[in-house]
Each structure stands twice: as structure tokens, then as C-alpha cells.
Amino acid sequence: MFPNKNIESEGILYIFVAKTQKMEETVELVCRWAEFKKAHPNASIEDFCRYYIIEQRESTKQESLVGGVIPDSASGLLVKLLARIARIHATYVSMVLEEEAVSRIEEVGILATLYQMGHPKKSEVIYSNLLDFSSGTDMIARLKTKGFVNESEDKEDKRSKRLSLTKEGKKVFLKVIQKIVRVANLLTYDMSEDDKKLCIQLLKHIDIKFSAVVHKHKGRKFDDVYREMTS
């Protein structure tokens, strides 16, 4: 196969090293998949591949962060970035709502909930939008006054009220939501679809976990909540 023994030995060594490197890479990849699956039980192999490829790509970038003091911890930096993005989003949303019949993003959220859910309880609408009951009730009252929302008795529970969109409310919502989507498109314009899907995959469990309990935590001491949620 090889002209002489030296070349033959070198060839065998090359094949061995190449196979060993591939095996090590395979083992590393399997271990990374196991770690990812443990952290994200509902993730698919496609989610992992997307995550791994983007992680390798981003690890070579050296972009500087802007915007005040940079937190020392990864958790602090992540939450700060999310908070800043939320403020930027709110700024642009207020711009697109200046001449609309609804002037607050929370009101758009209420209309969106009614559009999707049809005829939900008032409390469901308020808590699904992460609003205080009093402020949520006030917003719904304003939307009723504008003729965008109907309120009716709950036939199964006389203590509850149910809400629905009026014809005008649906018309206003469909107009406004197009502008809200444009804001989202603006903020994520430079992101690929895979990047967006990865962000959703990594962050959605935080929303799911805390959306279910945050309204119950209001009024409690944070130290008690922290112990309960991290123990």
C-alpha cells in the first residue's frame, strides 16, 4: 500500500490521529447535547444544532457592550440587556401609537388577548398580560368607553365577567398590530431566523415559569420569594 515502511507508519499514524480527533469531537458534541437537553428538556435536536452553530459563530466575535455599567455576572448582564431592549421597544411603540385610538402597549395587549381568546374572563385577560388587577380594570374600562370592548355576565360563574371585542375594537386592533409587528421587525432586522428561534427557545421557559406565579408574589418579601423559587 505504501512505498516503504516509514511512509506506511506515517500514514497509519495520520489515520489514527484523524480518527481520534473525530472521535473526540463526536464525544464532545454528544456531551454538549446532553447538557443542552438537561437544561432544555423540551428542545429538539434541531434546536441544539441551531444553538451549537450560533454559539461557535458568536464566540469569535469581539463586540463591545454599550449602555452604562456592565454587570459582573452573566445573569445580571442578560437581564440588563432584556430590560434595555424592552425600553427601546416601548419608545418605538409609543411613536407608532401617537395617532392611534389606543395609546398604550398594555391596551394593545388586552385587545390582542381578546382577539385570540374570544370571550375570556376579565381576570384571565388581566393576569395573562401581567397587569395589576386595579390598573388592568381601569384599562378595560377605558377600552369599553371607547367602544372597543364588551363586558357581559359569566353564565357559569355569576361573580365573574367576560369580555369580548366589538366590531370597532377588532378593526382598531388589526390596524394597530401591523404597526407593532413593524417595530419588532425593526429591532430584529439584523438577526437571522435561526437566531430568533434560538432566543425564543432559550428564554421562553423564564416567561412560562414566572408568568404563572408573579402576580402571587406581589406584596411578599423578595427574600421569601427567592428562597421559594430557588430551593
C-alpha atoms as a PDB file:
ATOM      1  CA  MET A   1       0.000   0.000   0.000  1.00  0.00           C
ATOM      2  CA  PHE A   2       2.850   2.407   0.915  1.00  0.00           C
ATOM      3  CA  PRO A   3       6.262   2.513  -0.936  1.00  0.00           C
ATOM      4  CA  ASN A   4       8.290   1.979   2.246  1.00  0.00           C
ATOM      5  CA  LYS A   5       7.812   1.307   5.940  1.00  0.00           C
ATOM      6  CA  ASN A   6       8.450   4.900   7.038  1.00  0.00           C
ATOM      7  CA  ILE A   7       5.730   6.252   4.796  1.00  0.00           C
ATOM      8  CA  GLU A   8       3.461   3.386   5.833  1.00  0.00           C
ATOM      9  CA  SER A   9       3.979   4.210   9.520  1.00  0.00           C
ATOM     10  CA  GLU A  10       3.336   7.888   8.924  1.00  0.00           C
ATOM     11  CA  GLY A  11       0.169   7.049   7.018  1.00  0.00           C
ATOM     12  CA  ILE A  12      -1.142   4.787   9.773  1.00  0.00           C
ATOM     13  CA  LEU A  13      -0.338   7.457  12.370  1.00  0.00           C
ATOM     14  CA  TYR A  14      -2.171  10.095  10.327  1.00  0.00           C
ATOM     15  CA  ILE A  15      -5.262   7.883  10.030  1.00  0.00           C
ATOM     16  CA  PHE A  16      -5.157   7.104  13.765  1.00  0.00           C
ATOM     17  CA  VAL A  17      -4.854  10.778  14.744  1.00  0.00           C
ATOM     18  CA  ALA A  18      -7.616  11.788  12.331  1.00  0.00           C
ATOM     19  CA  LYS A  19      -9.957   9.134  13.687  1.00  0.00           C
ATOM     20  CA  THR A  20      -9.058  10.034  17.260  1.00  0.00           C
ATOM     21  CA  GLN A  21      -9.765  13.711  16.649  1.00  0.00           C
ATOM     22  CA  LYS A  22     -13.088  12.877  15.049  1.00  0.00           C
ATOM     23  CA  MET A  23     -13.952  10.602  17.954  1.00  0.00           C
ATOM     24  CA  GLU A  24     -13.041  13.303  20.476  1.00  0.00           C
ATOM     25  CA  GLU A  25     -15.128  15.839  18.576  1.00  0.00           C
ATOM     26  CA  THR A  26     -18.017  13.389  18.494  1.00  0.00           C
ATOM     27  CA  VAL A  27     -17.759  12.728  22.219  1.00  0.00           C
ATOM     28  CA  GLU A  28     -17.621  16.478  22.912  1.00  0.00           C
ATOM     29  CA  LEU A  29     -20.671  17.048  20.710  1.00  0.00           C
ATOM     30  CA  VAL A  30     -22.632  14.283  22.449  1.00  0.00           C
ATOM     31  CA  CYS A  31     -21.722  15.722  25.856  1.00  0.00           C
ATOM     32  CA  ARG A  32     -22.798  19.202  24.767  1.00  0.00           C
ATOM     33  CA  TRP A  33     -26.105  17.748  23.522  1.00  0.00           C
ATOM     34  CA  ALA A  34     -26.652  16.038  26.889  1.00  0.00           C
ATOM     35  CA  GLU A  35     -26.003  19.324  28.724  1.00  0.00           C
ATOM     36  CA  PHE A  36     -28.338  21.226  26.412  1.00  0.00           C
ATOM     37  CA  LYS A  37     -31.093  18.608  26.741  1.00  0.00           C
ATOM     38  CA  LYS A  38     -30.826  18.683  30.524  1.00  0.00           C
ATOM     39  CA  ALA A  39     -31.216  22.459  30.556  1.00  0.00           C
ATOM     40  CA  HIS A  40     -33.967  22.429  27.906  1.00  0.00           C
ATOM     41  CA  PRO A  41     -35.934  19.151  28.202  1.00  0.00           C
ATOM     42  CA  ASN A  42     -38.435  20.085  25.508  1.00  0.00           C
ATOM     43  CA  ALA A  43     -35.793  21.081  22.962  1.00  0.00           C
ATOM     44  CA  SER A  44     -35.327  19.143  19.736  1.00  0.00           C
ATOM     45  CA  ILE A  45     -32.116  18.093  18.001  1.00  0.00           C
ATOM     46  CA  GLU A  46     -32.773  20.945  15.551  1.00  0.00           C
ATOM     47  CA  ASP A  47     -32.824  23.396  18.474  1.00  0.00           C
ATOM     48  CA  PHE A  48     -29.481  22.056  19.671  1.00  0.00           C
ATOM     49  CA  CYS A  49     -27.866  22.228  16.239  1.00  0.00           C
ATOM     50  CA  ARG A  50     -29.044  25.811  15.885  1.00  0.00           C
ATOM     51  CA  TYR A  51     -27.717  26.638  19.349  1.00  0.00           C
ATOM     52  CA  TYR A  52     -24.330  24.975  18.774  1.00  0.00           C
ATOM     53  CA  ILE A  53     -23.686  26.568  15.389  1.00  0.00           C
ATOM     54  CA  ILE A  54     -24.627  30.040  16.621  1.00  0.00           C
ATOM     55  CA  GLU A  55     -22.562  29.600  19.792  1.00  0.00           C
ATOM     56  CA  GLN A  56     -19.477  28.730  17.739  1.00  0.00           C
ATOM     57  CA  ARG A  57     -20.068  31.698  15.465  1.00  0.00           C
ATOM     58  CA  GLU A  58     -20.651  34.191  18.284  1.00  0.00           C
ATOM     59  CA  SER A  59     -17.612  33.015  20.277  1.00  0.00           C
ATOM     60  CA  THR A  60     -15.346  34.530  17.634  1.00  0.00           C
ATOM     61  CA  LYS A  61     -16.955  37.973  17.776  1.00  0.00           C
ATOM     62  CA  GLN A  62     -15.480  40.746  19.899  1.00  0.00           C
ATOM     63  CA  GLU A  63     -18.295  43.287  20.027  1.00  0.00           C
ATOM     64  CA  SER A  64     -18.267  45.786  22.870  1.00  0.00           C
ATOM     65  CA  LEU A  65     -21.331  46.328  25.031  1.00  0.00           C
ATOM     66  CA  VAL A  66     -22.724  49.819  25.494  1.00  0.00           C
ATOM     67  CA  GLY A  67     -25.104  51.436  27.917  1.00  0.00           C
ATOM     68  CA  GLY A  68     -23.790  52.276  31.349  1.00  0.00           C
ATOM     69  CA  VAL A  69     -22.271  49.940  33.893  1.00  0.00           C
ATOM     70  CA  ILE A  70     -21.745  46.360  32.747  1.00  0.00           C
ATOM     71  CA  PRO A  71     -22.795  43.830  35.430  1.00  0.00           C
ATOM     72  CA  ASP A  72     -20.150  41.363  36.573  1.00  0.00           C
ATOM     73  CA  SER A  73     -22.412  38.313  36.330  1.00  0.00           C
ATOM     74  CA  ALA A  74     -23.851  36.746  33.188  1.00  0.00           C
ATOM     75  CA  SER A  75     -27.302  36.743  34.812  1.00  0.00           C
ATOM     76  CA  GLY A  76     -27.103  40.452  35.557  1.00  0.00           C
ATOM     77  CA  LEU A  77     -25.901  41.291  32.056  1.00  0.00           C
ATOM     78  CA  LEU A  78     -28.597  39.191  30.402  1.00  0.00           C
ATOM     79  CA  VAL A  79     -31.395  40.787  32.414  1.00  0.00           C
ATOM     80  CA  LYS A  80     -29.960  44.254  31.800  1.00  0.00           C
ATOM     81  CA  LEU A  81     -29.920  43.642  28.045  1.00  0.00           C
ATOM     82  CA  LEU A  82     -33.522  42.421  28.128  1.00  0.00           C
ATOM     83  CA  ALA A  83     -34.594  45.451  30.155  1.00  0.00           C
ATOM     84  CA  ARG A  84     -32.854  47.861  27.787  1.00  0.00           C
ATOM     85  CA  ILE A  85     -34.400  46.191  24.761  1.00  0.00           C
ATOM     86  CA  ALA A  86     -37.822  46.448  26.440  1.00  0.00           C
ATOM     87  CA  ARG A  87     -37.308  50.199  26.956  1.00  0.00           C
ATOM     88  CA  ILE A  88     -36.181  50.659  23.354  1.00  0.00           C
ATOM     89  CA  HIS A  89     -39.235  48.718  22.204  1.00  0.00           C
ATOM     90  CA  ALA A  90     -41.517  50.878  24.346  1.00  0.00           C
ATOM     91  CA  THR A  91     -40.031  54.032  22.815  1.00  0.00           C
ATOM     92  CA  TYR A  92     -40.757  52.955  19.258  1.00  0.00           C
ATOM     93  CA  VAL A  93     -44.187  51.601  20.163  1.00  0.00           C
ATOM     94  CA  SER A  94     -45.144  54.964  21.656  1.00  0.00           C
ATOM     95  CA  MET A  95     -44.105  56.553  18.356  1.00  0.00           C
ATOM     96  CA  VAL A  96     -46.358  54.327  16.242  1.00  0.00           C
ATOM     97  CA  LEU A  97     -49.293  54.716  18.642  1.00  0.00           C
ATOM     98  CA  GLU A  98     -49.222  58.533  18.716  1.00  0.00           C
ATOM     99  CA  GLU A  99     -52.078  58.902  16.238  1.00  0.00           C
ATOM    100  CA  GLU A 100     -53.945  55.700  17.079  1.00  0.00           C
ATOM    101  CA  ALA A 101     -57.114  55.156  19.103  1.00  0.00           C
ATOM    102  CA  VAL A 102     -55.140  53.167  21.685  1.00  0.00           C
ATOM    103  CA  SER A 103     -52.123  54.914  23.152  1.00  0.00           C
ATOM    104  CA  ARG A 104     -50.526  52.258  25.375  1.00  0.00           C
ATOM    105  CA  ILE A 105     -48.920  48.919  24.564  1.00  0.00           C
ATOM    106  CA  GLU A 106     -50.785  47.360  27.512  1.00  0.00           C
ATOM    107  CA  GLU A 107     -54.102  48.268  25.864  1.00  0.00           C
ATOM    108  CA  VAL A 108     -52.932  46.644  22.645  1.00  0.00           C
ATOM    109  CA  GLY A 109     -52.094  43.550  24.697  1.00  0.00           C
ATOM    110  CA  ILE A 110     -55.630  43.444  26.074  1.00  0.00           C
ATOM    111  CA  LEU A 111     -57.117  43.727  22.582  1.00  0.00           C
ATOM    112  CA  ALA A 112     -54.746  41.021  21.338  1.00  0.00           C
ATOM    113  CA  THR A 113     -55.802  38.691  24.151  1.00  0.00           C
ATOM    114  CA  LEU A 114     -59.467  39.197  23.324  1.00  0.00           C
ATOM    115  CA  TYR A 115     -58.790  38.704  19.622  1.00  0.00           C
ATOM    116  CA  GLN A 116     -57.086  35.358  20.287  1.00  0.00           C
ATOM    117  CA  MET A 117     -59.188  34.042  23.179  1.00  0.00           C
ATOM    118  CA  GLY A 118     -62.591  35.244  22.006  1.00  0.00           C
ATOM    119  CA  HIS A 119     -64.637  35.533  25.207  1.00  0.00           C
ATOM    120  CA  PRO A 120     -62.337  35.142  28.245  1.00  0.00           C
ATOM    121  CA  LYS A 121     -62.887  36.099  31.855  1.00  0.00           C
ATOM    122  CA  LYS A 122     -61.786  39.593  32.822  1.00  0.00           C
ATOM    123  CA  SER A 123     -59.296  38.184  35.339  1.00  0.00           C
ATOM    124  CA  GLU A 124     -57.743  35.948  32.654  1.00  0.00           C
ATOM    125  CA  VAL A 125     -57.163  38.951  30.421  1.00  0.00           C
ATOM    126  CA  ILE A 126     -55.597  40.997  33.206  1.00  0.00           C
ATOM    127  CA  TYR A 127     -53.268  38.327  34.580  1.00  0.00           C
ATOM    128  CA  SER A 128     -52.198  36.975  31.175  1.00  0.00           C
ATOM    129  CA  ASN A 129     -50.952  40.491  30.406  1.00  0.00           C
ATOM    130  CA  LEU A 130     -49.095  40.664  33.752  1.00  0.00           C
ATOM    131  CA  LEU A 131     -51.144  43.636  34.948  1.00  0.00           C
ATOM    132  CA  ASP A 132     -52.247  44.603  38.444  1.00  0.00           C
ATOM    133  CA  PHE A 133     -55.951  43.902  38.829  1.00  0.00           C
ATOM    134  CA  SER A 134     -56.745  47.569  39.568  1.00  0.00           C
ATOM    135  CA  SER A 135     -54.746  49.015  36.668  1.00  0.00           C
ATOM    136  CA  GLY A 136     -55.985  46.275  34.334  1.00  0.00           C
ATOM    137  CA  THR A 137     -59.578  47.025  35.313  1.00  0.00           C
ATOM    138  CA  ASP A 138     -59.023  50.740  34.604  1.00  0.00           C
ATOM    139  CA  MET A 139     -57.599  49.998  31.146  1.00  0.00           C
ATOM    140  CA  ILE A 140     -60.500  47.733  30.296  1.00  0.00           C
ATOM    141  CA  ALA A 141     -62.920  50.429  31.436  1.00  0.00           C
ATOM    142  CA  ARG A 142     -61.252  52.922  29.059  1.00  0.00           C
ATOM    143  CA  LEU A 143     -61.480  50.470  26.188  1.00  0.00           C
ATOM    144  CA  LYS A 144     -65.163  49.917  26.978  1.00  0.00           C
ATOM    145  CA  THR A 145     -65.761  53.674  26.976  1.00  0.00           C
ATOM    146  CA  LYS A 146     -64.129  53.920  23.552  1.00  0.00           C
ATOM    147  CA  GLY A 147     -66.446  51.209  22.281  1.00  0.00           C
ATOM    148  CA  PHE A 148     -63.723  48.594  21.680  1.00  0.00           C
ATOM    149  CA  VAL A 149     -64.688  46.061  24.340  1.00  0.00           C
ATOM    150  CA  ASN A 150     -67.929  44.487  25.514  1.00  0.00           C
ATOM    151  CA  GLU A 151     -68.428  43.162  29.064  1.00  0.00           C
ATOM    152  CA  SER A 152     -71.029  40.550  29.958  1.00  0.00           C
ATOM    153  CA  GLU A 153     -72.039  38.242  32.790  1.00  0.00           C
ATOM    154  CA  ASP A 154     -70.383  34.862  33.059  1.00  0.00           C
ATOM    155  CA  LYS A 155     -73.222  32.343  32.746  1.00  0.00           C
ATOM    156  CA  GLU A 156     -71.258  29.695  34.658  1.00  0.00           C
ATOM    157  CA  ASP A 157     -69.898  31.975  37.383  1.00  0.00           C
ATOM    158  CA  LYS A 158     -72.080  34.925  38.382  1.00  0.00           C
ATOM    159  CA  ARG A 159     -69.180  36.504  40.262  1.00  0.00           C
ATOM    160  CA  SER A 160     -67.121  36.831  37.094  1.00  0.00           C
ATOM    161  CA  LYS A 161     -67.325  38.972  33.987  1.00  0.00           C
ATOM    162  CA  ARG A 162     -66.402  38.014  30.458  1.00  0.00           C
ATOM    163  CA  LEU A 163     -65.005  40.294  27.782  1.00  0.00           C
ATOM    164  CA  SER A 164     -65.078  40.360  24.004  1.00  0.00           C
ATOM    165  CA  LEU A 165     -64.045  42.638  21.166  1.00  0.00           C
ATOM    166  CA  THR A 166     -66.610  44.814  19.464  1.00  0.00           C
ATOM    167  CA  LYS A 167     -66.566  45.142  15.690  1.00  0.00           C
ATOM    168  CA  GLU A 168     -64.808  48.500  16.057  1.00  0.00           C
ATOM    169  CA  GLY A 169     -62.379  47.039  18.588  1.00  0.00           C
ATOM    170  CA  LYS A 170     -61.366  44.304  16.166  1.00  0.00           C
ATOM    171  CA  LYS A 171     -60.892  46.859  13.390  1.00  0.00           C
ATOM    172  CA  VAL A 172     -58.663  49.040  15.588  1.00  0.00           C
ATOM    173  CA  PHE A 173     -56.635  46.064  16.785  1.00  0.00           C
ATOM    174  CA  LEU A 174     -55.930  44.706  13.294  1.00  0.00           C
ATOM    175  CA  LYS A 175     -54.732  48.145  12.231  1.00  0.00           C
ATOM    176  CA  VAL A 176     -52.527  48.747  15.253  1.00  0.00           C
ATOM    177  CA  ILE A 177     -50.977  45.280  15.403  1.00  0.00           C
ATOM    178  CA  GLN A 178     -49.464  45.759  11.957  1.00  0.00           C
ATOM    179  CA  LYS A 179     -47.504  48.716  13.311  1.00  0.00           C
ATOM    180  CA  ILE A 180     -46.451  46.801  16.419  1.00  0.00           C
ATOM    181  CA  VAL A 181     -45.128  43.997  14.211  1.00  0.00           C
ATOM    182  CA  ARG A 182     -43.111  46.549  12.240  1.00  0.00           C
ATOM    183  CA  VAL A 183     -41.433  47.652  15.479  1.00  0.00           C
ATOM    184  CA  ALA A 184     -40.491  44.033  16.208  1.00  0.00           C
ATOM    185  CA  ASN A 185     -39.164  43.660  12.663  1.00  0.00           C
ATOM    186  CA  LEU A 186     -37.087  46.809  13.097  1.00  0.00           C
ATOM    187  CA  LEU A 187     -35.456  45.640  16.335  1.00  0.00           C
ATOM    188  CA  THR A 188     -34.643  42.168  14.973  1.00  0.00           C
ATOM    189  CA  TYR A 189     -33.804  43.242  11.416  1.00  0.00           C
ATOM    190  CA  ASP A 190     -30.160  42.128  11.640  1.00  0.00           C
ATOM    191  CA  MET A 191     -30.968  38.762  13.193  1.00  0.00           C
ATOM    192  CA  SER A 192     -31.385  35.576  11.183  1.00  0.00           C
ATOM    193  CA  GLU A 193     -34.460  33.393  11.658  1.00  0.00           C
ATOM    194  CA  ASP A 194     -32.284  30.794  13.402  1.00  0.00           C
ATOM    195  CA  ASP A 195     -31.013  33.436  15.842  1.00  0.00           C
ATOM    196  CA  LYS A 196     -34.560  34.483  16.646  1.00  0.00           C
ATOM    197  CA  LYS A 197     -35.710  30.895  17.167  1.00  0.00           C
ATOM    198  CA  LEU A 198     -32.741  30.201  19.415  1.00  0.00           C
ATOM    199  CA  CYS A 199     -33.519  33.248  21.589  1.00  0.00           C
ATOM    200  CA  ILE A 200     -37.120  32.087  21.880  1.00  0.00           C
ATOM    201  CA  GLN A 201     -36.028  28.566  22.826  1.00  0.00           C
ATOM    202  CA  LEU A 202     -33.622  29.794  25.489  1.00  0.00           C
ATOM    203  CA  LEU A 203     -35.864  32.441  27.064  1.00  0.00           C
ATOM    204  CA  LYS A 204     -39.387  31.064  26.832  1.00  0.00           C
ATOM    205  CA  HIS A 205     -39.078  28.895  29.965  1.00  0.00           C
ATOM    206  CA  ILE A 206     -38.430  32.041  32.037  1.00  0.00           C
ATOM    207  CA  ASP A 207     -41.671  33.542  30.767  1.00  0.00           C
ATOM    208  CA  ILE A 208     -43.624  30.327  31.302  1.00  0.00           C
ATOM    209  CA  LYS A 209     -42.252  29.791  34.814  1.00  0.00           C
ATOM    210  CA  PHE A 210     -42.713  33.294  36.186  1.00  0.00           C
ATOM    211  CA  SER A 211     -45.870  34.317  34.327  1.00  0.00           C
ATOM    212  CA  ALA A 212     -47.692  31.651  36.315  1.00  0.00           C
ATOM    213  CA  VAL A 213     -46.591  32.958  39.716  1.00  0.00           C
ATOM    214  CA  VAL A 214     -45.505  36.598  39.534  1.00  0.00           C
ATOM    215  CA  HIS A 215     -48.934  38.005  40.431  1.00  0.00           C
ATOM    216  CA  LYS A 216     -48.988  35.773  43.519  1.00  0.00           C
ATOM    217  CA  HIS A 217     -45.629  37.149  44.624  1.00  0.00           C
ATOM    218  CA  LYS A 218     -46.707  40.780  44.724  1.00  0.00           C
ATOM    219  CA  GLY A 219     -46.815  42.074  48.273  1.00  0.00           C
ATOM    220  CA  ARG A 220     -44.438  39.416  49.588  1.00  0.00           C
ATOM    221  CA  LYS A 221     -40.843  39.908  50.725  1.00  0.00           C
ATOM    222  CA  PHE A 222     -38.360  39.233  47.946  1.00  0.00           C
ATOM    223  CA  ASP A 223     -36.102  37.103  50.171  1.00  0.00           C
ATOM    224  CA  ASP A 224     -39.015  34.739  50.823  1.00  0.00           C
ATOM    225  CA  VAL A 225     -39.819  34.534  47.118  1.00  0.00           C
ATOM    226  CA  TYR A 226     -36.155  33.938  46.264  1.00  0.00           C
ATOM    227  CA  ARG A 227     -35.861  31.047  48.704  1.00  0.00           C
ATOM    228  CA  GLU A 228     -39.076  29.512  47.446  1.00  0.00           C
ATOM    229  CA  MET A 229     -38.137  29.706  43.759  1.00  0.00           C
ATOM    230  CA  THR A 230     -34.508  28.617  44.094  1.00  0.00           C
ATOM    231  CA  SER A 231     -34.719  25.877  46.706  1.00  0.00           C
END
